[in-house]
Amino acid sequence: MGENAIHKAAPILDILSQYEPQTVTVEGLDYRESLNAVRVEGGIAGNVIPDACSVWVNFRFAPSRTGEQALAHVTELFSGFKVVVDDLSEGAKPGLDDPLAQEFASAVLASTGGVPAPKYGWTDVARFSALGISAVNFGPGNAIYAHKDDEHCATSQITSCYLALKSWLQTPDTHK
């Protein structure tokens, strides 16, 4: 006899399923934004019409947006629904517009066979970026395995990154 709050959340899921993520180029790297439901919660029992429902949404936005712009985008998309922010972190620009980062990418990544790529997900590099300090994410492994049951990284990749970074740091007078 009540109104089902979970059913009333269907328009939120519709918005998410119809959302067209943008690909945004920042400093020559393509970032694919994403907007996803990551949790839905409602109801108290299998025989009670739920009077409340919450949908947790994660918006991974390109570092060309500020946190404020990202929040405005989400708020506009979900106009008519209560939007509560649990966590908001600024994105990190790749730093590849900095000459030292370019030198690092050329020397270190070339020796490991890597190429600059966008970092999907948050790291502490964002803190530096927010302060206007160029920084880069560098390390072994493939992000496709991050936070999964089969997350792994070959020892040879760790060794290769270590040796490349050590060599770059010990090269005199090249990166002041």
Protein backbone atom coordinates (compact mmCIF):
# COMPACT_ATOMS: atom_id res chain seq x y z
CA MET A 1 0.00 0.00 0.00
CA GLY A 2 3.00 2.29 0.26
CA GLU A 3 5.10 4.01 -2.38
CA ASN A 4 8.17 1.98 -3.29
CA ALA A 5 11.24 4.19 -2.94
CA ILE A 6 13.38 1.76 -4.94
CA HIS A 7 10.98 1.99 -7.88
CA LYS A 8 11.09 5.78 -7.60
CA ALA A 9 14.89 5.57 -8.04
CA ALA A 10 14.48 4.06 -11.52
CA PRO A 11 14.90 7.46 -13.24
CA ILE A 12 18.35 7.74 -11.64
CA LEU A 13 19.36 4.41 -13.17
CA ASP A 14 17.87 5.53 -16.49
CA ILE A 15 20.03 8.66 -16.43
CA LEU A 16 23.09 6.53 -15.73
CA SER A 17 22.33 3.93 -18.40
CA GLN A 18 21.77 6.64 -21.04
CA TYR A 19 24.80 8.71 -20.05
CA GLU A 20 27.30 9.18 -22.86
CA PRO A 21 30.78 9.47 -21.31
CA GLN A 22 33.05 12.03 -22.88
CA THR A 23 36.61 11.46 -24.00
CA VAL A 24 38.62 14.56 -23.16
CA THR A 25 42.19 15.20 -24.35
CA VAL A 26 44.44 16.75 -21.71
CA GLU A 27 48.10 17.40 -22.52
CA GLY A 28 47.92 14.95 -25.41
CA LEU A 29 46.35 12.11 -23.40
CA ASP A 30 42.78 10.91 -23.86
CA TYR A 31 40.76 10.56 -20.65
CA ARG A 32 37.46 8.72 -20.84
CA GLU A 33 35.10 9.99 -18.19
CA SER A 34 32.66 7.61 -16.51
CA LEU A 35 29.50 7.93 -14.44
CA ASN A 36 28.33 4.77 -12.71
CA ALA A 37 26.06 3.52 -9.99
CA VAL A 38 28.35 1.78 -7.53
CA ARG A 39 25.82 0.94 -4.82
CA VAL A 40 22.05 0.90 -4.33
CA GLU A 41 20.54 0.58 -0.88
CA GLY A 42 16.94 0.47 0.24
CA GLY A 43 14.42 -1.51 2.22
CA ILE A 44 14.58 -3.29 5.53
CA ALA A 45 13.03 -6.69 4.80
CA GLY A 46 11.84 -8.95 2.01
CA ASN A 47 8.19 -8.32 2.81
CA VAL A 48 8.19 -4.55 3.46
CA ILE A 49 7.76 -1.87 0.80
CA PRO A 50 10.90 0.26 1.05
CA ASP A 51 10.33 3.85 2.17
CA ALA A 52 13.88 4.96 1.32
CA CYS A 53 16.42 4.27 -1.38
CA SER A 54 19.90 5.66 -1.97
CA VAL A 55 21.93 5.33 -5.14
CA TRP A 56 25.68 5.92 -4.81
CA VAL A 57 27.16 7.35 -7.99
CA ASN A 58 30.83 7.62 -8.91
CA PHE A 59 31.85 10.25 -11.46
CA ARG A 60 35.40 9.87 -12.73
CA PHE A 61 36.08 13.08 -14.56
CA ALA A 62 38.96 14.24 -16.71
CA PRO A 63 41.49 16.55 -15.07
CA SER A 64 40.35 19.35 -17.37
CA ARG A 65 37.42 19.82 -14.95
CA THR A 66 37.67 21.16 -11.44
CA GLY A 67 35.90 19.34 -8.65
CA GLU A 68 33.40 22.19 -8.56
CA GLN A 69 32.67 21.80 -12.29
CA ALA A 70 32.28 18.04 -11.88
CA LEU A 71 29.83 18.54 -9.02
CA ALA A 72 27.85 21.07 -11.07
CA HIS A 73 27.67 18.53 -13.93
CA VAL A 74 26.39 15.77 -11.66
CA THR A 75 23.92 18.10 -9.93
CA GLU A 76 22.55 19.18 -13.30
CA LEU A 77 22.22 15.58 -14.51
CA PHE A 78 20.29 14.60 -11.39
CA SER A 79 18.17 17.73 -11.17
CA GLY A 80 15.13 16.95 -9.04
CA PHE A 81 16.98 14.46 -6.86
CA LYS A 82 18.80 15.15 -3.62
CA VAL A 83 22.56 15.03 -4.31
CA VAL A 84 24.82 14.46 -1.31
CA VAL A 85 28.60 14.46 -1.76
CA ASP A 86 30.54 11.92 0.30
CA ASP A 87 33.90 12.53 -1.36
CA LEU A 88 35.22 14.97 -3.91
CA SER A 89 38.82 14.93 -5.08
CA GLU A 90 40.39 17.12 -7.71
CA GLY A 91 41.85 15.42 -10.75
CA ALA A 92 45.55 15.43 -11.54
CA LYS A 93 46.75 16.88 -14.80
CA PRO A 94 49.32 14.60 -16.41
CA GLY A 95 52.12 17.14 -15.93
CA LEU A 96 53.44 16.51 -19.43
CA ASP A 97 53.51 20.22 -20.19
CA ASP A 98 56.43 20.56 -17.76
CA PRO A 99 59.89 20.22 -19.40
CA LEU A 100 61.19 18.06 -16.55
CA ALA A 101 58.23 15.69 -16.90
CA GLN A 102 58.81 15.54 -20.65
CA GLU A 103 62.46 14.68 -20.05
CA PHE A 104 61.45 12.04 -17.53
CA ALA A 105 58.93 10.53 -19.94
CA SER A 106 61.45 10.47 -22.77
CA ALA A 107 64.26 8.93 -20.75
CA VAL A 108 62.57 6.65 -18.24
CA LEU A 109 59.59 5.48 -20.20
CA ALA A 110 61.69 4.89 -23.30
CA SER A 111 64.00 2.62 -21.31
CA THR A 112 61.06 0.60 -19.96
CA GLY A 113 59.18 0.49 -23.26
CA GLY A 114 56.34 2.51 -21.77
CA VAL A 115 54.50 5.49 -23.17
CA PRO A 116 52.68 8.26 -21.30
CA ALA A 117 49.08 7.28 -20.63
CA PRO A 118 46.19 8.76 -18.66
CA LYS A 119 45.82 7.66 -15.06
CA TYR A 120 42.30 6.44 -14.40
CA GLY A 121 41.70 6.71 -10.70
CA TRP A 122 42.93 8.97 -7.96
CA THR A 123 46.49 9.12 -6.62
CA ASP A 124 48.40 11.60 -4.47
CA VAL A 125 49.68 13.24 -7.66
CA ALA A 126 46.36 15.13 -7.58
CA ARG A 127 47.51 16.89 -4.38
CA PHE A 128 50.58 18.22 -6.18
CA SER A 129 48.52 19.23 -9.21
CA ALA A 130 46.11 21.18 -6.97
CA LEU A 131 49.12 23.14 -5.65
CA GLY A 132 50.35 23.88 -9.17
CA ILE A 133 53.27 21.46 -8.86
CA SER A 134 53.88 19.19 -11.83
CA ALA A 135 54.08 15.53 -10.92
CA VAL A 136 53.65 12.25 -12.76
CA ASN A 137 52.45 8.78 -11.86
CA PHE A 138 55.12 6.22 -12.68
CA GLY A 139 55.30 2.56 -11.86
CA PRO A 140 54.96 -1.00 -13.01
CA GLY A 141 51.86 -2.99 -13.72
CA ASN A 142 48.73 -2.61 -15.76
CA ALA A 143 45.86 -0.59 -14.30
CA ILE A 144 43.37 -2.97 -15.89
CA TYR A 145 44.18 -5.39 -13.05
CA ALA A 146 43.87 -2.84 -10.23
CA HIS A 147 41.44 -3.67 -7.43
CA LYS A 148 40.54 -7.07 -8.92
CA ASP A 149 40.94 -10.63 -7.77
CA ASP A 150 43.69 -11.17 -10.34
CA GLU A 151 45.60 -7.97 -9.52
CA HIS A 152 49.27 -8.64 -10.12
CA CYS A 153 52.50 -7.20 -11.39
CA ALA A 154 55.45 -9.08 -12.79
CA THR A 155 58.68 -8.82 -10.82
CA SER A 156 60.47 -7.98 -14.06
CA GLN A 157 58.30 -4.85 -14.43
CA ILE A 158 59.16 -3.72 -10.90
CA THR A 159 62.87 -4.29 -11.57
CA SER A 160 62.71 -2.50 -14.93
CA CYS A 161 61.02 0.56 -13.39
CA TYR A 162 63.47 0.61 -10.50
CA LEU A 163 66.51 0.46 -12.79
CA ALA A 164 65.12 3.12 -15.16
CA LEU A 165 64.31 5.50 -12.32
CA LYS A 166 67.68 4.89 -10.63
CA SER A 167 69.51 5.55 -13.90
CA TRP A 168 67.57 8.76 -14.53
CA LEU A 169 68.16 10.04 -10.99
CA GLN A 170 71.88 9.27 -11.16
CA THR A 171 72.42 10.96 -14.53
CA PRO A 172 74.33 14.14 -13.66
CA ASP A 173 73.31 17.61 -14.82
CA THR A 174 70.37 16.57 -16.98
CA HIS A 175 67.35 17.37 -14.84
CA LYS A 176 67.86 20.36 -12.64
